[in-house]
C-alpha atoms as a PDB file:
ATOM      1  CA  MET A   1      10.441   2.333 -20.830  1.00  0.00           C
ATOM      2  CA  ASN A   2       7.233   4.333 -20.864  1.00  0.00           C
ATOM      3  CA  PHE A   3       5.828   4.635 -17.359  1.00  0.00           C
ATOM      4  CA  LEU A   4       2.646   6.732 -17.039  1.00  0.00           C
ATOM      5  CA  ASN A   5       3.352   8.280 -20.439  1.00  0.00           C
ATOM      6  CA  ILE A   6       6.711   9.499 -19.165  1.00  0.00           C
ATOM      7  CA  GLY A   7       9.615   8.562 -21.379  1.00  0.00           C
ATOM      8  CA  PRO A   8      13.241   8.170 -20.312  1.00  0.00           C
ATOM      9  CA  TRP A   9      14.151  11.772 -21.147  1.00  0.00           C
ATOM     10  CA  GLU A  10      11.266  13.227 -19.174  1.00  0.00           C
ATOM     11  CA  LEU A  11      12.081  10.956 -16.255  1.00  0.00           C
ATOM     12  CA  SER A  12      15.730  12.031 -16.237  1.00  0.00           C
ATOM     13  CA  VAL A  13      14.719  15.715 -16.287  1.00  0.00           C
ATOM     14  CA  ILE A  14      12.347  15.112 -13.359  1.00  0.00           C
ATOM     15  CA  LEU A  15      15.118  13.327 -11.422  1.00  0.00           C
ATOM     16  CA  VAL A  16      17.600  16.155 -12.035  1.00  0.00           C
ATOM     17  CA  ILE A  17      15.071  18.745 -10.868  1.00  0.00           C
ATOM     18  CA  ALA A  18      14.209  16.638  -7.800  1.00  0.00           C
ATOM     19  CA  ILE A  19      17.880  16.256  -6.868  1.00  0.00           C
ATOM     20  CA  LEU A  20      18.440  19.992  -7.245  1.00  0.00           C
ATOM     21  CA  MET A  21      15.400  20.854  -5.120  1.00  0.00           C
ATOM     22  CA  ILE A  22      15.709  18.186  -2.434  1.00  0.00           C
ATOM     23  CA  GLY A  23      19.413  17.445  -2.440  1.00  0.00           C
ATOM     24  CA  PRO A  24      21.165  14.158  -3.108  1.00  0.00           C
ATOM     25  CA  LYS A  25      21.295  12.983   0.531  1.00  0.00           C
ATOM     26  CA  ARG A  26      17.616  13.619   1.158  1.00  0.00           C
ATOM     27  CA  MET A  27      16.708  12.077  -2.205  1.00  0.00           C
ATOM     28  CA  VAL A  28      18.145   8.713  -1.119  1.00  0.00           C
ATOM     29  CA  GLN A  29      15.979   8.708   2.016  1.00  0.00           C
ATOM     30  CA  ILE A  30      12.878   9.600   0.044  1.00  0.00           C
ATOM     31  CA  VAL A  31      13.503   6.886  -2.553  1.00  0.00           C
ATOM     32  CA  ARG A  32      13.988   4.315   0.236  1.00  0.00           C
ATOM     33  CA  ALA A  33      10.742   5.383   1.895  1.00  0.00           C
ATOM     34  CA  ILE A  34       8.893   5.157  -1.407  1.00  0.00           C
ATOM     35  CA  GLY A  35      10.329   1.665  -1.911  1.00  0.00           C
ATOM     36  CA  ARG A  36       9.157   0.557   1.531  1.00  0.00           C
ATOM     37  CA  ILE A  37       5.706   2.013   0.950  1.00  0.00           C
ATOM     38  CA  THR A  38       5.464   0.292  -2.433  1.00  0.00           C
ATOM     39  CA  GLY A  39       6.488  -3.026  -0.891  1.00  0.00           C
ATOM     40  CA  GLN A  40       3.926  -2.675   1.895  1.00  0.00           C
ATOM     41  CA  MET A  41       1.178  -1.822  -0.553  1.00  0.00           C
ATOM     42  CA  ARG A  42       2.049  -4.809  -2.776  1.00  0.00           C
ATOM     43  CA  ARG A  43       2.048  -7.144   0.228  1.00  0.00           C
ATOM     44  CA  LEU A  44      -1.264  -5.779   1.489  1.00  0.00           C
ATOM     45  CA  SER A  45      -2.905  -6.013  -1.920  1.00  0.00           C
ATOM     46  CA  GLY A  46      -1.704  -9.618  -2.277  1.00  0.00           C
ATOM     47  CA  GLU A  47      -3.104 -10.513   1.138  1.00  0.00           C
ATOM     48  CA  PHE A  48      -6.351  -8.722   0.355  1.00  0.00           C
ATOM     49  CA  LEU A  49      -6.785 -10.486  -2.985  1.00  0.00           C
ATOM     50  CA  GLY A  50      -5.973 -13.844  -1.390  1.00  0.00           C
ATOM     51  CA  THR A  51      -8.568 -13.299   1.316  1.00  0.00           C
ATOM     52  CA  ILE A  52     -11.209 -12.203  -1.175  1.00  0.00           C
ATOM     53  CA  GLN A  53     -10.540 -15.225  -3.395  1.00  0.00           C
ATOM     54  CA  ALA A  54     -10.739 -17.573  -0.398  1.00  0.00           C
ATOM     55  CA  GLU A  55     -14.030 -15.978   0.646  1.00  0.00           C
ATOM     56  CA  LEU A  56     -15.436 -16.341  -2.862  1.00  0.00           C
ATOM     57  CA  ARG A  57     -14.508 -20.042  -2.886  1.00  0.00           C
ATOM     58  CA  THR A  58     -16.139 -20.510   0.521  1.00  0.00           C
ATOM     59  CA  ILE A  59     -19.298 -18.729  -0.588  1.00  0.00           C
ATOM     60  CA  GLU A  60     -19.456 -20.804  -3.775  1.00  0.00           C
ATOM     61  CA  GLN A  61     -19.116 -24.024  -1.761  1.00  0.00           C
ATOM     62  CA  GLU A  62     -21.755 -22.967   0.775  1.00  0.00           C
ATOM     63  CA  THR A  63     -24.106 -21.874  -1.997  1.00  0.00           C
ATOM     64  CA  SER A  64     -23.686 -25.120  -3.909  1.00  0.00           C
ATOM     65  CA  GLN A  65     -24.310 -27.110  -0.722  1.00  0.00           C
ATOM     66  CA  ALA A  66     -27.399 -25.052   0.152  1.00  0.00           C
ATOM     67  CA  VAL A  67     -28.844 -25.363  -3.351  1.00  0.00           C
ATOM     68  CA  GLY A  68     -27.836 -29.011  -3.735  1.00  0.00           C
ATOM     69  CA  GLY A  69     -29.269 -30.109  -0.378  1.00  0.00           C
ATOM     70  CA  SER A  70     -32.876 -31.282  -0.293  1.00  0.00           C
ATOM     71  CA  GLY A  71     -34.283 -29.763   2.891  1.00  0.00           C
ATOM     72  CA  GLU A  72     -31.290 -28.036   4.357  1.00  0.00           C
ATOM     73  CA  GLU A  73     -31.604 -24.444   5.460  1.00  0.00           C
ATOM     74  CA  ARG A  74     -29.431 -21.934   3.679  1.00  0.00           C
ATOM     75  CA  ALA A  75     -26.129 -21.395   5.427  1.00  0.00           C
ATOM     76  CA  THR A  76     -25.604 -17.987   6.910  1.00  0.00           C
ATOM     77  CA  ILE A  77     -22.460 -16.276   5.697  1.00  0.00           C
ATOM     78  CA  SER A  78     -20.590 -14.008   8.073  1.00  0.00           C
ATOM     79  CA  LEU A  79     -17.284 -12.219   7.884  1.00  0.00           C
ATOM     80  CA  PRO A  80     -14.520 -14.521   9.087  1.00  0.00           C
ATOM     81  CA  ASP A  81     -11.855 -13.545  11.569  1.00  0.00           C
ATOM     82  CA  ASP A  82      -9.288 -13.511   8.751  1.00  0.00           C
ATOM     83  CA  LEU A  83     -11.082 -10.668   7.002  1.00  0.00           C
ATOM     84  CA  MET A  84     -11.314  -8.673  10.224  1.00  0.00           C
ATOM     85  CA  ALA A  85      -7.602  -9.246  10.890  1.00  0.00           C
ATOM     86  CA  LEU A  86      -6.798  -8.092   7.364  1.00  0.00           C
ATOM     87  CA  GLY A  87      -8.721  -4.876   8.029  1.00  0.00           C
ATOM     88  CA  ARG A  88      -6.698  -4.275  11.196  1.00  0.00           C
ATOM     89  CA  ASP A  89      -3.435  -4.978   9.352  1.00  0.00           C
ATOM     90  CA  THR A  90      -4.430  -2.602   6.570  1.00  0.00           C
ATOM     91  CA  ARG A  91      -5.235   0.193   9.010  1.00  0.00           C
ATOM     92  CA  GLN A  92      -1.921  -0.389  10.802  1.00  0.00           C
ATOM     93  CA  ALA A  93       0.057  -0.331   7.542  1.00  0.00           C
ATOM     94  CA  VAL A  94      -1.658   2.877   6.427  1.00  0.00           C
ATOM     95  CA  SER A  95      -0.826   4.544   9.746  1.00  0.00           C
ATOM     96  CA  GLU A  96       2.809   3.381   9.411  1.00  0.00           C
ATOM     97  CA  ILE A  97       2.956   4.806   5.897  1.00  0.00           C
ATOM     98  CA  ALA A  98       1.545   8.111   7.167  1.00  0.00           C
ATOM     99  CA  ALA A  99       4.113   8.169   9.989  1.00  0.00           C
ATOM    100  CA  ASN A 100       6.962   7.473   7.536  1.00  0.00           C
ATOM    101  CA  THR A 101       5.753  10.225   5.244  1.00  0.00           C
ATOM    102  CA  ASP A 102       5.424  12.655   8.155  1.00  0.00           C
ATOM    103  CA  SER A 103       8.944  11.885   9.362  1.00  0.00           C
ATOM    104  CA  ILE A 104      10.336  12.470   5.865  1.00  0.00           C
ATOM    105  CA  LEU A 105       8.507  15.763   5.575  1.00  0.00           C
ATOM    106  CA  LYS A 106       9.629  16.848   9.057  1.00  0.00           C
ATOM    107  CA  GLY A 107      13.204  16.016   8.100  1.00  0.00           C
ATOM    108  CA  GLU A 108      12.883  18.170   4.991  1.00  0.00           C
ATOM    109  CA  GLN A 109      11.489  21.048   7.047  1.00  0.00           C
ATOM    110  CA  GLU A 110      14.306  20.757   9.592  1.00  0.00           C
ATOM    111  CA  ALA A 111      16.902  20.668   6.821  1.00  0.00           C
ATOM    112  CA  SER A 112      15.430  23.757   5.167  1.00  0.00           C
ATOM    113  CA  GLU A 113      15.284  25.578   8.521  1.00  0.00           C
ATOM    114  CA  GLU A 114      18.924  24.727   9.190  1.00  0.00           C
ATOM    115  CA  GLY A 115      19.807  26.043   5.744  1.00  0.00           C
ATOM    116  CA  HIS A 116      18.028  29.321   6.476  1.00  0.00           C
ATOM    117  CA  ASN A 117      19.478  29.669   9.975  1.00  0.00           C
ATOM    118  CA  GLY A 118      23.031  28.601   9.135  1.00  0.00           C
END
């Protein structure tokens, strides 16, 4: 395993340091949040690529019809509702990711304040 030029030994050292700094309970929450964020980003990128590929196919068909037709006017190409909906979904997912990250960070701050006060 060699992820981002980080070997297994480097990764284990990073994990040990993270557990010592954050704590084992908080580490589980952070890993879960990272997993959710990764899943959301994969889903969004798949939807985005699917929409782009569908648009490219549509444009190719419209272009071939416009060029192939004898006296037909060129078809005007506009953004479909699907692309606009994808933009809204992307903005919503990004705001959810930001909210999740903020809640994790607030939890860390509260835990550190409790440690200092208690």
